[in-house]
N, C-alpha and C. Protein backbone atom coordinates (compact mmCIF):
# COMPACT_ATOMS: atom_id res chain seq x y z
N MET A 1 -11.94 16.63 0.78
CA MET A 1 -11.39 17.70 0.31
C MET A 1 -10.08 16.75 -0.58
N THR A 2 -9.75 16.66 -1.63
CA THR A 2 -8.93 16.30 -2.02
C THR A 2 -7.25 16.87 -1.50
N GLY A 3 -6.32 16.26 -1.12
CA GLY A 3 -5.10 16.91 -0.85
C GLY A 3 -5.03 17.27 0.96
N ARG A 4 -6.04 16.84 1.63
CA ARG A 4 -6.56 16.83 2.92
C ARG A 4 -5.74 15.72 3.95
N VAL A 5 -5.14 15.71 4.51
CA VAL A 5 -4.85 14.40 5.40
C VAL A 5 -6.24 13.67 6.09
N ILE A 6 -5.91 12.17 5.69
CA ILE A 6 -7.23 11.25 5.88
C ILE A 6 -7.36 11.01 7.58
N ARG A 7 -7.68 11.26 8.00
CA ARG A 7 -8.41 11.17 9.39
C ARG A 7 -8.10 9.53 9.75
N ARG A 8 -8.14 9.70 10.46
CA ARG A 8 -7.95 8.21 11.67
C ARG A 8 -8.97 7.25 11.54
N GLU A 9 -9.93 7.39 11.85
CA GLU A 9 -11.34 7.18 11.78
C GLU A 9 -11.62 6.82 10.60
N ASP A 10 -11.30 7.51 9.25
CA ASP A 10 -11.66 6.97 7.98
C ASP A 10 -10.90 5.88 7.97
N LEU A 11 -10.22 5.31 7.93
CA LEU A 11 -9.34 4.45 8.05
C LEU A 11 -9.34 2.73 9.23
N ALA A 12 -10.20 3.30 10.04
CA ALA A 12 -10.74 2.05 10.77
C ALA A 12 -11.77 1.10 10.41
N ILE A 13 -11.17 0.85 9.88
CA ILE A 13 -12.67 -0.37 8.82
C ILE A 13 -12.00 -1.32 8.41
N ASP A 14 -13.36 -2.52 7.52
CA ASP A 14 -12.58 -3.71 7.13
C ASP A 14 -11.57 -3.09 6.18
N PRO A 15 -10.08 -4.28 6.78
CA PRO A 15 -9.20 -4.12 4.84
C PRO A 15 -9.65 -3.97 3.57
N ILE A 16 -10.86 -4.71 3.32
CA ILE A 16 -11.18 -4.68 1.94
C ILE A 16 -11.97 -3.27 1.45
N ASP A 17 -12.90 -2.91 2.61
CA ASP A 17 -13.28 -1.25 2.50
C ASP A 17 -11.93 -0.18 2.48
N LEU A 18 -11.13 -0.87 2.94
CA LEU A 18 -10.16 0.22 3.54
C LEU A 18 -8.88 0.17 1.86
N ALA A 19 -8.80 -0.91 1.37
CA ALA A 19 -7.90 -0.71 0.06
C ALA A 19 -9.15 -0.30 -0.81
N LEU A 20 -10.08 -0.35 -1.01
CA LEU A 20 -11.05 0.25 -2.23
C LEU A 20 -10.83 1.64 -1.81
N SER A 21 -11.59 2.38 -0.93
CA SER A 21 -11.12 3.69 -0.41
C SER A 21 -9.87 4.48 -0.92
N LEU A 22 -8.55 3.77 -0.78
CA LEU A 22 -6.94 3.90 -0.95
C LEU A 22 -6.64 3.97 -2.42
N LEU A 23 -7.83 3.43 -3.26
CA LEU A 23 -7.11 4.04 -4.72
C LEU A 23 -7.55 5.24 -4.82
N GLY A 24 -6.55 5.74 -5.55
CA GLY A 24 -6.87 7.19 -6.41
C GLY A 24 -6.29 8.16 -5.03
N CYS A 25 -6.29 8.05 -3.71
CA CYS A 25 -5.44 8.48 -2.78
C CYS A 25 -3.98 8.65 -2.96
N GLU A 26 -3.50 9.81 -2.25
CA GLU A 26 -1.59 9.90 -2.51
C GLU A 26 -1.07 9.77 -1.38
N ILE A 27 -0.04 9.12 -1.35
CA ILE A 27 0.77 8.95 -0.10
C ILE A 27 2.07 9.88 -0.39
N GLU A 28 2.90 10.32 0.74
CA GLU A 28 3.75 11.55 0.53
C GLU A 28 4.78 11.54 1.45
N SER A 29 5.92 11.64 0.64
CA SER A 29 6.89 11.14 1.66
C SER A 29 8.05 12.31 1.91
N ARG A 30 8.09 13.18 2.74
CA ARG A 30 9.08 14.29 2.91
C ARG A 30 10.54 13.86 3.47
N SER A 31 11.66 14.25 2.84
CA SER A 31 13.25 14.01 3.96
C SER A 31 14.02 15.28 3.08
N ASP A 32 15.13 15.22 4.17
CA ASP A 32 16.04 16.14 3.62
C ASP A 32 16.29 16.48 2.30
N GLN A 33 16.23 15.03 1.52
CA GLN A 33 16.45 15.13 -0.17
C GLN A 33 15.23 16.08 -0.78
N GLY A 34 14.20 15.97 -0.38
CA GLY A 34 13.34 16.15 -1.21
C GLY A 34 11.48 15.87 -0.79
N THR A 35 10.40 15.91 -1.47
CA THR A 35 9.35 15.37 -1.57
C THR A 35 8.85 14.56 -2.53
N VAL A 36 8.76 13.46 -2.69
CA VAL A 36 7.47 12.28 -3.10
C VAL A 36 6.37 12.21 -3.02
N ARG A 37 5.61 12.24 -3.87
CA ARG A 37 4.01 12.08 -3.79
C ARG A 37 3.81 11.00 -4.66
N VAL A 38 2.92 9.99 -4.33
CA VAL A 38 2.60 8.91 -5.31
C VAL A 38 1.29 9.05 -5.02
N ARG A 39 0.49 8.67 -6.32
CA ARG A 39 -0.34 8.36 -6.14
C ARG A 39 -1.34 6.86 -6.81
N LEU A 40 -2.09 6.52 -5.53
CA LEU A 40 -2.28 4.82 -5.30
C LEU A 40 -3.08 4.40 -5.95
N VAL A 41 -2.67 2.70 -6.71
CA VAL A 41 -3.32 2.62 -7.88
C VAL A 41 -3.74 0.76 -8.21
N GLU A 42 -3.00 0.45 -7.35
CA GLU A 42 -3.10 -0.90 -7.05
C GLU A 42 -2.43 -1.39 -5.21
N VAL A 43 -3.06 -1.96 -4.50
CA VAL A 43 -3.90 -2.39 -3.15
C VAL A 43 -3.92 -3.98 -3.18
N GLU A 44 -3.43 -4.24 -1.94
CA GLU A 44 -4.10 -5.79 -1.41
C GLU A 44 -4.32 -5.83 -0.11
N ALA A 45 -5.78 -6.53 0.16
CA ALA A 45 -6.18 -6.27 1.29
C ALA A 45 -5.99 -7.58 2.21
N TYR A 46 -5.71 -7.49 3.39
CA TYR A 46 -5.34 -8.34 4.27
C TYR A 46 -5.82 -8.44 5.96
N ARG A 47 -6.48 -8.82 5.97
CA ARG A 47 -6.93 -9.00 7.46
C ARG A 47 -5.97 -9.76 8.28
N GLY A 48 -6.57 -10.43 9.80
CA GLY A 48 -5.88 -10.88 10.23
C GLY A 48 -5.72 -12.30 10.91
N LEU A 49 -6.38 -12.84 11.63
CA LEU A 49 -6.90 -13.97 12.25
C LEU A 49 -7.41 -15.22 11.64
N ASP A 50 -8.01 -14.37 10.58
CA ASP A 50 -9.09 -15.10 9.07
C ASP A 50 -8.28 -15.16 7.91
N ASP A 51 -6.87 -14.72 8.54
CA ASP A 51 -6.22 -14.54 6.90
C ASP A 51 -5.05 -15.45 6.93
N PRO A 52 -5.24 -16.09 6.19
CA PRO A 52 -4.19 -17.36 6.50
C PRO A 52 -2.74 -16.64 5.55
N ALA A 53 -3.04 -15.56 4.63
CA ALA A 53 -2.04 -15.04 4.22
C ALA A 53 -1.67 -13.90 5.03
N SER A 54 -2.26 -13.51 5.69
CA SER A 54 -1.83 -12.24 6.73
C SER A 54 -0.90 -12.84 7.40
N HIS A 55 0.37 -11.85 7.84
CA HIS A 55 1.47 -12.00 9.02
C HIS A 55 0.81 -12.26 10.23
N CYS A 56 -0.23 -11.80 10.53
CA CYS A 56 -0.92 -12.11 11.94
C CYS A 56 -1.54 -13.34 12.23
N TYR A 57 -2.42 -14.04 11.26
CA TYR A 57 -2.54 -15.18 11.29
C TYR A 57 -2.49 -16.24 11.90
N ARG A 58 -1.20 -16.26 12.90
CA ARG A 58 -0.54 -16.89 14.24
C ARG A 58 -0.56 -16.03 15.24
N GLY A 59 -0.91 -14.73 15.08
CA GLY A 59 -1.07 -14.09 16.17
C GLY A 59 -0.07 -13.03 16.24
N ARG A 60 -0.01 -12.63 17.28
CA ARG A 60 1.03 -10.94 17.80
C ARG A 60 2.43 -11.32 17.73
N THR A 61 3.27 -10.58 17.26
CA THR A 61 5.02 -10.93 17.17
C THR A 61 5.36 -9.52 17.63
N PRO A 62 6.18 -9.25 17.63
CA PRO A 62 7.82 -8.39 17.95
C PRO A 62 6.90 -7.63 16.32
N ARG A 63 7.82 -8.40 15.30
CA ARG A 63 7.29 -7.56 14.06
C ARG A 63 5.92 -7.49 13.42
N ASN A 64 5.25 -7.73 13.55
CA ASN A 64 3.70 -7.40 13.22
C ASN A 64 2.67 -6.58 14.13
N GLU A 65 4.08 -6.30 14.87
CA GLU A 65 3.34 -5.18 16.30
C GLU A 65 1.93 -3.79 15.56
N VAL A 66 2.69 -3.55 14.77
CA VAL A 66 2.00 -2.07 14.17
C VAL A 66 0.89 -2.42 13.55
N MET A 67 0.92 -3.40 13.19
CA MET A 67 -0.42 -4.02 12.51
C MET A 67 -1.76 -4.30 13.15
N TRP A 68 -1.07 -4.55 14.33
CA TRP A 68 -2.10 -4.52 15.47
C TRP A 68 -3.31 -3.09 15.83
N GLY A 69 -3.16 -2.03 15.73
CA GLY A 69 -3.25 -1.23 15.86
C GLY A 69 -2.56 -0.14 16.18
N PRO A 70 -2.75 0.99 15.96
CA PRO A 70 -4.97 1.66 16.23
C PRO A 70 -4.25 2.01 14.52
N ALA A 71 -5.53 2.29 13.39
CA ALA A 71 -5.66 2.77 12.28
C ALA A 71 -4.54 3.79 11.90
N GLY A 72 -4.14 4.16 10.45
CA GLY A 72 -3.31 4.81 10.10
C GLY A 72 -1.88 4.99 10.50
N HIS A 73 -1.81 3.54 10.93
CA HIS A 73 0.03 3.82 10.92
C HIS A 73 0.49 3.41 9.94
N LEU A 74 1.71 3.02 9.75
CA LEU A 74 2.39 2.55 8.70
C LEU A 74 3.55 1.60 8.79
N TYR A 75 2.93 0.32 8.19
CA TYR A 75 3.69 -0.93 8.65
C TYR A 75 4.67 -1.75 7.33
N VAL A 76 5.72 -1.09 8.17
CA VAL A 76 6.98 -1.43 6.68
C VAL A 76 7.55 -2.51 7.25
N TYR A 77 7.83 -3.75 6.03
CA TYR A 77 8.83 -4.89 6.92
C TYR A 77 9.36 -5.52 5.74
N PHE A 78 10.36 -5.99 5.57
CA PHE A 78 11.43 -6.31 5.23
C PHE A 78 11.29 -7.95 4.59
N VAL A 79 11.51 -8.32 3.71
CA VAL A 79 10.74 -9.22 2.59
C VAL A 79 12.27 -9.83 1.87
N TYR A 80 11.89 -10.99 1.24
CA TYR A 80 13.11 -11.57 0.95
C TYR A 80 14.37 -11.29 0.77
N GLY A 81 14.80 -10.53 2.16
CA GLY A 81 16.21 -10.34 2.27
C GLY A 81 16.28 -9.49 1.20
N MET A 82 15.54 -8.68 0.48
CA MET A 82 16.18 -7.34 -0.38
C MET A 82 15.72 -6.26 -0.82
N HIS A 83 13.93 -6.48 0.18
CA HIS A 83 13.52 -5.06 0.03
C HIS A 83 12.14 -4.78 0.93
N PHE A 84 11.70 -3.50 0.80
CA PHE A 84 10.73 -3.46 1.64
C PHE A 84 9.45 -3.26 1.01
N CYS A 85 8.20 -3.33 1.96
CA CYS A 85 6.70 -3.58 1.42
C CYS A 85 6.28 -2.38 2.56
N ALA A 86 5.31 -1.56 2.42
CA ALA A 86 4.56 -0.79 2.80
C ALA A 86 3.07 -1.10 2.98
N ASN A 87 2.45 -0.63 4.36
CA ASN A 87 0.98 -1.17 4.52
C ASN A 87 0.26 -0.26 5.16
N VAL A 88 -0.79 0.12 5.16
CA VAL A 88 -1.56 1.22 6.02
C VAL A 88 -2.41 0.66 7.04
N VAL A 89 -2.21 0.57 7.83
CA VAL A 89 -3.35 0.15 9.28
C VAL A 89 -4.53 0.28 8.90
N GLY A 90 -5.55 -0.51 9.84
CA GLY A 90 -6.64 -0.36 9.27
C GLY A 90 -7.69 -0.92 10.56
N LEU A 91 -8.86 -1.06 10.16
CA LEU A 91 -9.68 -1.63 11.37
C LEU A 91 -9.61 -0.50 13.00
N ASN A 92 -9.64 -1.46 13.99
CA ASN A 92 -9.61 -0.12 15.74
C ASN A 92 -8.22 -1.41 16.12
N ASP A 93 -7.85 -0.85 17.27
CA ASP A 93 -6.54 -0.81 18.09
C ASP A 93 -6.74 -2.51 18.84
N GLY A 94 -6.26 -3.39 18.03
CA GLY A 94 -6.33 -4.79 19.18
C GLY A 94 -7.10 -5.56 17.95
N GLU A 95 -7.87 -4.96 17.08
CA GLU A 95 -7.97 -6.48 15.68
C GLU A 95 -7.14 -5.36 14.89
N PRO A 96 -6.33 -6.76 14.31
CA PRO A 96 -5.26 -7.22 13.29
C PRO A 96 -5.49 -6.51 11.57
N GLY A 97 -5.54 -5.44 11.02
CA GLY A 97 -5.27 -5.61 9.59
C GLY A 97 -5.12 -4.54 8.66
N ALA A 98 -4.23 -4.69 7.63
CA ALA A 98 -3.88 -3.70 7.02
C ALA A 98 -4.25 -4.54 5.09
N VAL A 99 -3.75 -3.17 4.95
CA VAL A 99 -3.20 -3.03 2.55
C VAL A 99 -1.87 -2.62 2.51
N LEU A 100 -1.46 -3.42 2.07
CA LEU A 100 -0.26 -3.64 1.14
C LEU A 100 -0.39 -2.15 -0.11
N LEU A 101 0.38 -1.49 -0.09
CA LEU A 101 0.59 -0.68 -1.31
C LEU A 101 1.68 -1.10 -2.45
N ARG A 102 1.11 -1.34 -3.38
CA ARG A 102 1.32 -2.17 -4.32
C ARG A 102 2.44 -1.17 -5.48
N ALA A 103 1.47 -0.59 -5.94
CA ALA A 103 1.67 0.56 -7.13
C ALA A 103 1.37 2.19 -6.44
N GLY A 104 2.22 2.70 -7.40
CA GLY A 104 1.34 3.88 -7.81
C GLY A 104 1.96 4.42 -9.13
N GLU A 105 1.19 5.67 -9.12
CA GLU A 105 1.90 7.24 -10.51
C GLU A 105 2.78 7.90 -9.52
N VAL A 106 3.55 8.16 -9.65
CA VAL A 106 4.64 9.30 -9.51
C VAL A 106 4.01 11.33 -10.07
N VAL A 107 3.37 12.02 -8.44
CA VAL A 107 3.00 12.76 -9.17
C VAL A 107 3.40 14.27 -8.69
N GLU A 108 4.55 13.51 -7.52
CA GLU A 108 5.88 15.00 -7.41
C GLU A 108 6.59 13.99 -6.81
N GLY A 109 8.12 15.14 -7.12
CA GLY A 109 9.66 14.60 -7.02
C GLY A 109 9.79 13.27 -8.14
N ARG A 110 9.86 13.70 -9.05
CA ARG A 110 9.98 12.73 -10.37
C ARG A 110 11.67 12.41 -10.29
N GLU A 111 11.97 13.42 -10.50
CA GLU A 111 13.68 13.23 -10.52
C GLU A 111 14.19 12.37 -9.14
N LEU A 112 13.68 12.89 -8.04
CA LEU A 112 13.99 12.54 -6.99
C LEU A 112 13.67 10.57 -6.83
N ALA A 113 12.79 10.70 -7.38
CA ALA A 113 11.91 9.28 -7.65
C ALA A 113 12.56 8.06 -8.18
N ARG A 114 13.26 8.94 -9.25
CA ARG A 114 14.19 8.48 -10.43
C ARG A 114 15.33 8.18 -10.17
N SER A 115 16.28 9.01 -9.41
CA SER A 115 17.81 8.55 -8.75
C SER A 115 17.21 7.74 -7.76
N ARG A 116 16.36 7.26 -6.80
CA ARG A 116 16.86 6.84 -5.78
C ARG A 116 16.37 4.81 -6.65
N ARG A 117 15.02 5.08 -7.76
CA ARG A 117 15.09 3.67 -8.15
C ARG A 117 15.68 3.97 -9.56
N PRO A 118 17.06 4.33 -10.51
CA PRO A 118 17.91 4.62 -11.94
C PRO A 118 17.05 3.49 -12.45
N THR A 119 16.87 2.10 -12.22
CA THR A 119 16.92 0.67 -13.39
C THR A 119 15.77 0.57 -13.24
N ALA A 120 14.18 1.05 -12.78
CA ALA A 120 13.32 0.61 -12.67
C ALA A 120 12.49 1.33 -13.90
N ARG A 121 11.54 0.65 -14.50
CA ARG A 121 11.31 0.88 -15.91
C ARG A 121 9.40 2.43 -15.39
N GLY A 122 10.07 2.78 -16.20
CA GLY A 122 8.86 3.95 -16.31
C GLY A 122 9.47 5.21 -16.07
N GLY A 123 10.65 5.45 -15.71
CA GLY A 123 11.37 6.46 -15.97
C GLY A 123 11.21 7.59 -14.97
N GLY A 124 11.03 7.27 -13.54
CA GLY A 124 10.61 7.86 -12.65
C GLY A 124 8.80 8.88 -12.57
N LEU A 125 8.45 7.56 -13.76
CA LEU A 125 6.69 8.30 -13.67
C LEU A 125 5.98 7.39 -12.98
N VAL A 126 6.27 6.17 -13.22
CA VAL A 126 5.59 5.11 -12.70
C VAL A 126 6.06 4.39 -11.08
N ALA A 127 5.62 3.74 -9.78
CA ALA A 127 6.29 2.67 -8.94
C ALA A 127 5.63 1.61 -9.70
N LYS A 128 5.80 0.68 -9.71
CA LYS A 128 5.45 -0.11 -10.33
C LYS A 128 5.63 -1.95 -9.07
N GLY A 129 5.04 -2.45 -8.44
CA GLY A 129 5.43 -3.47 -8.07
C GLY A 129 5.55 -2.38 -6.30
N PRO A 130 5.78 -3.54 -5.28
CA PRO A 130 5.66 -3.02 -4.17
C PRO A 130 7.22 -2.23 -3.53
N ALA A 131 8.54 -3.22 -3.89
CA ALA A 131 9.55 -2.94 -3.67
C ALA A 131 9.77 -1.56 -4.52
N VAL A 132 9.24 -1.36 -5.90
CA VAL A 132 9.65 0.16 -6.49
C VAL A 132 9.01 1.03 -5.87
N LEU A 133 7.59 1.40 -5.14
CA LEU A 133 6.89 1.94 -4.69
C LEU A 133 7.88 2.60 -3.19
N THR A 134 7.98 1.39 -2.33
CA THR A 134 9.27 2.36 -1.50
C THR A 134 10.31 2.58 -1.49
N SER A 135 10.84 2.58 -2.44
CA SER A 135 12.03 2.76 -2.83
C SER A 135 12.14 3.94 -3.27
N VAL A 136 11.49 4.32 -4.22
CA VAL A 136 10.86 5.68 -4.59
C VAL A 136 10.30 6.66 -3.50
N LEU A 137 9.53 6.23 -2.30
CA LEU A 137 9.38 6.96 -1.35
C LEU A 137 10.18 6.95 -0.22
N GLY A 138 11.38 6.16 -0.79
CA GLY A 138 12.40 6.57 0.48
C GLY A 138 11.96 5.97 1.75
N LEU A 139 11.47 4.45 1.74
CA LEU A 139 10.61 4.50 2.97
C LEU A 139 11.76 2.64 3.22
N ASP A 140 11.89 2.70 4.90
CA ASP A 140 12.47 1.50 4.79
C ASP A 140 11.91 1.13 6.71
N ARG A 141 12.87 0.47 7.51
CA ARG A 141 12.11 0.34 8.45
C ARG A 141 12.09 1.20 9.89
N ALA A 142 12.97 2.32 9.77
CA ALA A 142 13.15 3.53 10.18
C ALA A 142 11.29 4.09 10.35
N HIS A 143 10.89 3.77 9.17
CA HIS A 143 8.98 4.66 8.70
C HIS A 143 8.34 3.23 9.08
N ASN A 144 8.93 2.53 10.27
CA ASN A 144 7.60 1.65 10.46
C ASN A 144 7.20 1.90 11.92
N GLY A 145 5.90 1.96 11.54
CA GLY A 145 5.00 2.91 12.80
C GLY A 145 4.97 4.48 12.73
N LEU A 146 5.34 4.59 11.70
CA LEU A 146 4.74 6.18 11.63
C LEU A 146 3.10 6.60 11.63
N ASP A 147 2.63 7.48 11.90
CA ASP A 147 1.02 7.81 11.73
C ASP A 147 0.86 8.43 10.76
N LEU A 148 0.66 8.38 9.62
CA LEU A 148 -0.07 8.50 8.05
C LEU A 148 -1.20 9.87 8.63
N THR A 149 -1.93 9.54 9.92
CA THR A 149 -2.82 10.85 9.73
C THR A 149 -2.53 12.26 10.40
N ASP A 150 -1.17 11.99 11.28
CA ASP A 150 -1.07 13.36 11.36
C ASP A 150 0.40 14.12 10.79
N PRO A 151 -0.55 15.64 10.43
CA PRO A 151 0.01 16.46 9.46
C PRO A 151 1.55 16.84 9.33
N ALA A 152 2.01 16.18 10.92
CA ALA A 152 3.42 16.71 10.94
C ALA A 152 4.64 15.83 11.00
N SER A 153 3.63 14.60 10.21
CA SER A 153 4.32 13.50 10.27
C SER A 153 5.46 13.36 8.57
N PRO A 154 6.48 12.82 8.56
CA PRO A 154 7.62 12.70 7.42
C PRO A 154 6.58 12.49 6.25
N VAL A 155 5.44 10.93 6.73
CA VAL A 155 5.01 10.32 5.48
C VAL A 155 3.71 10.65 5.80
N ARG A 156 3.01 11.04 4.97
CA ARG A 156 1.74 11.51 4.87
C ARG A 156 0.79 10.79 4.30
N LEU A 157 -1.18 10.75 4.26
CA LEU A 157 -1.84 9.63 3.22
C LEU A 157 -2.47 11.10 3.19
N LEU A 158 -2.67 10.94 1.81
CA LEU A 158 -3.47 12.47 1.40
C LEU A 158 -4.49 12.04 0.57
N ALA A 159 -5.95 12.73 0.92
CA ALA A 159 -6.84 12.51 -0.13
C ALA A 159 -6.85 12.37 -1.27
N GLY A 160 -7.39 11.59 -2.36
CA GLY A 160 -7.15 12.55 -3.44
C GLY A 160 -8.86 12.27 -4.47
N ASP A 161 -8.89 12.24 -5.64
CA ASP A 161 -9.89 12.19 -6.23
C ASP A 161 -10.71 11.06 -6.34
N PRO A 162 -11.80 10.73 -5.88
CA PRO A 162 -12.61 9.61 -6.15
C PRO A 162 -12.27 8.91 -7.75
N VAL A 163 -12.10 6.97 -7.48
CA VAL A 163 -11.78 6.52 -8.47
C VAL A 163 -13.74 5.91 -8.43
N GLY A 164 -14.18 5.88 -10.18
CA GLY A 164 -15.58 5.47 -9.61
C GLY A 164 -15.04 3.70 -9.56
N ALA A 165 -16.67 3.00 -9.45
CA ALA A 165 -16.30 1.94 -9.30
C ALA A 165 -15.96 0.23 -10.60
N GLU A 166 -16.50 1.67 -11.69
CA GLU A 166 -16.66 0.96 -12.80
C GLU A 166 -14.76 0.56 -13.13
N SER A 167 -13.82 1.79 -12.75
CA SER A 167 -12.71 1.66 -13.03
C SER A 167 -11.68 0.76 -11.87
N ILE A 168 -11.99 0.28 -11.42
CA ILE A 168 -11.33 -0.80 -10.32
C ILE A 168 -12.07 -2.44 -10.38
N ARG A 169 -10.71 -3.14 -10.75
CA ARG A 169 -10.74 -4.54 -11.15
C ARG A 169 -10.15 -5.29 -9.95
N SER A 170 -10.15 -6.60 -9.46
CA SER A 170 -9.87 -7.41 -8.54
C SER A 170 -9.29 -8.29 -9.29
N GLY A 171 -8.77 -8.96 -8.41
CA GLY A 171 -8.13 -10.31 -8.32
C GLY A 171 -7.24 -10.94 -7.31
N PRO A 172 -6.70 -12.30 -7.35
CA PRO A 172 -6.11 -12.77 -6.53
C PRO A 172 -4.62 -12.16 -6.15
N ARG A 173 -4.57 -11.99 -4.52
CA ARG A 173 -3.06 -11.70 -4.33
C ARG A 173 -1.36 -11.93 -4.62
N VAL A 174 -0.56 -11.08 -4.63
CA VAL A 174 0.47 -11.58 -5.64
C VAL A 174 1.69 -12.78 -4.61
N GLY A 175 2.17 -13.26 -4.71
CA GLY A 175 3.23 -14.03 -4.43
C GLY A 175 2.99 -14.67 -2.83
N VAL A 176 1.51 -14.99 -2.98
CA VAL A 176 0.70 -15.38 -1.13
C VAL A 176 1.19 -17.05 -1.48
N ALA A 177 1.57 -17.59 -0.16
CA ALA A 177 1.40 -18.95 -0.07
C ALA A 177 0.36 -19.61 0.25
N ALA A 178 -0.97 -18.93 0.81
CA ALA A 178 -1.97 -19.63 1.04
C ALA A 178 -3.09 -18.43 0.56
N ALA A 179 -4.82 -19.17 0.70
CA ALA A 179 -5.63 -18.41 0.36
C ALA A 179 -5.21 -17.55 -0.85
N LYS A 180 -4.35 -18.78 -2.02
CA LYS A 180 -4.34 -17.88 -3.60
C LYS A 180 -5.45 -17.57 -3.87
N ASP A 181 -6.16 -18.16 -3.79
CA ASP A 181 -7.29 -17.33 -4.96
C ASP A 181 -7.97 -16.39 -4.57
N VAL A 182 -8.34 -15.92 -3.42
CA VAL A 182 -8.79 -14.79 -2.60
C VAL A 182 -8.81 -13.34 -3.39
N PRO A 183 -9.36 -13.23 -3.84
CA PRO A 183 -9.36 -11.91 -4.88
C PRO A 183 -9.84 -10.57 -4.11
N TRP A 184 -8.66 -10.75 -3.17
CA TRP A 184 -8.36 -9.11 -2.59
C TRP A 184 -7.03 -8.08 -3.38
N ARG A 185 -7.00 -8.28 -4.23
CA ARG A 185 -6.05 -7.34 -4.69
C ARG A 185 -6.65 -6.76 -5.54
N PHE A 186 -7.01 -5.15 -5.58
CA PHE A 186 -7.59 -3.95 -6.47
C PHE A 186 -6.97 -3.09 -7.36
N TRP A 187 -7.18 -2.74 -8.05
CA TRP A 187 -6.21 -2.16 -9.35
C TRP A 187 -7.26 -1.05 -9.42
N ILE A 188 -6.95 0.18 -10.59
CA ILE A 188 -7.05 1.16 -11.31
C ILE A 188 -7.10 0.82 -12.83
N ASP A 189 -7.73 0.54 -13.26
CA ASP A 189 -7.81 -0.35 -14.90
C ASP A 189 -7.00 1.01 -15.34
N GLY A 190 -6.65 0.25 -16.50
CA GLY A 190 -5.77 1.06 -17.60
C GLY A 190 -4.59 1.97 -17.07
N SER A 191 -3.92 1.83 -15.91
CA SER A 191 -3.13 2.55 -15.25
C SER A 191 -2.09 1.58 -15.34
N PRO A 192 -1.05 2.51 -16.01
CA PRO A 192 0.63 1.79 -16.22
C PRO A 192 1.43 1.71 -15.46
N ALA A 193 0.94 1.86 -14.00
CA ALA A 193 1.71 1.55 -13.05
C ALA A 193 1.60 0.11 -12.02
N VAL A 194 0.49 -0.06 -12.52
CA VAL A 194 -0.23 -1.57 -12.10
C VAL A 194 0.34 -3.04 -12.70
N SER A 195 0.83 -3.72 -11.56
CA SER A 195 1.29 -5.14 -11.77
C SER A 195 1.57 -5.99 -12.89
N THR A 196 2.41 -6.83 -13.27
CA THR A 196 1.90 -7.53 -14.11
C THR A 196 1.74 -9.11 -13.08
N TYR A 197 0.25 -9.39 -13.17
CA TYR A 197 -0.05 -11.11 -12.66
C TYR A 197 0.21 -12.13 -13.13
N ARG A 198 1.20 -12.78 -12.65
CA ARG A 198 1.15 -14.56 -13.40
C ARG A 198 0.06 -15.19 -12.62
N ARG A 199 -0.61 -15.63 -13.30
CA ARG A 199 -1.95 -16.42 -12.57
C ARG A 199 -1.23 -18.06 -11.40
N ASN A 200 -2.17 -17.71 -10.42
CA ASN A 200 -1.56 -19.07 -9.97
C ASN A 200 -2.58 -19.86 -10.08
N GLY A 201 -2.49 -21.27 -10.62
CA GLY A 201 -3.58 -22.13 -10.61
C GLY A 201 -5.02 -22.09 -11.15
N ARG A 202 -6.00 -21.99 -10.52
CA ARG A 202 -6.99 -21.76 -10.68
C ARG A 202 -7.80 -20.21 -10.27
N ALA A 203 -6.31 -19.17 -10.18
CA ALA A 203 -6.92 -17.43 -9.98
C ALA A 203 -7.08 -16.86 -11.21
N ARG A 204 -8.33 -16.46 -10.90
CA ARG A 204 -8.65 -15.27 -12.23
C ARG A 204 -8.77 -14.04 -12.10
N ALA A 205 -8.33 -13.07 -12.43
CA ALA A 205 -8.85 -11.88 -12.44
C ALA A 205 -10.30 -11.68 -12.35
N ARG A 206 -11.27 -10.73 -11.86
CA ARG A 206 -12.80 -10.58 -12.16
C ARG A 206 -12.95 -8.92 -11.96
N ARG A 207 -14.03 -8.61 -11.95
CA ARG A 207 -14.39 -6.83 -11.81
C ARG A 207 -14.95 -6.73 -11.01
């Protein structure tokens, strides 16, 4: 049902399957400033010990603790000393895996979204790139570990209209130093919020 809070058991799946299922879903962030809700249009899947590009590839650390489960929690980390990135944790408790939220279309709270990232392109209508997405949602390290499946949580993951397979594209993940050609980035074709990708070596976009 569109608009319902997604259940934990629906998220406790392989990150690739989770990434595909998150397209078209909405993430809602509520604060004293107001509410911003974004429709997800671009995501990236990361596994654990078998994925060289994953934060968990070398094992469990205080930084990546949330990524080890349980599913349905928000994994937020600081990158490049500049901005935050947000992920939805999948798989079972003790088995690492997550999906990076790369881009979305703002469907509620556009003025607040614009005020949080006034220099971003799109005039508050789109959140293009993971740094812009976390900014317009007002997410930072304090939100790390929040339960997205809790109806009372200030950040919730909501079901959206299903996206047909014919509208989904895939290609290499952005900015990774390993597994550069693995096509685990997924996006909704035609969305103005999707990131611009600069190909790395032999990496090519795929259906």
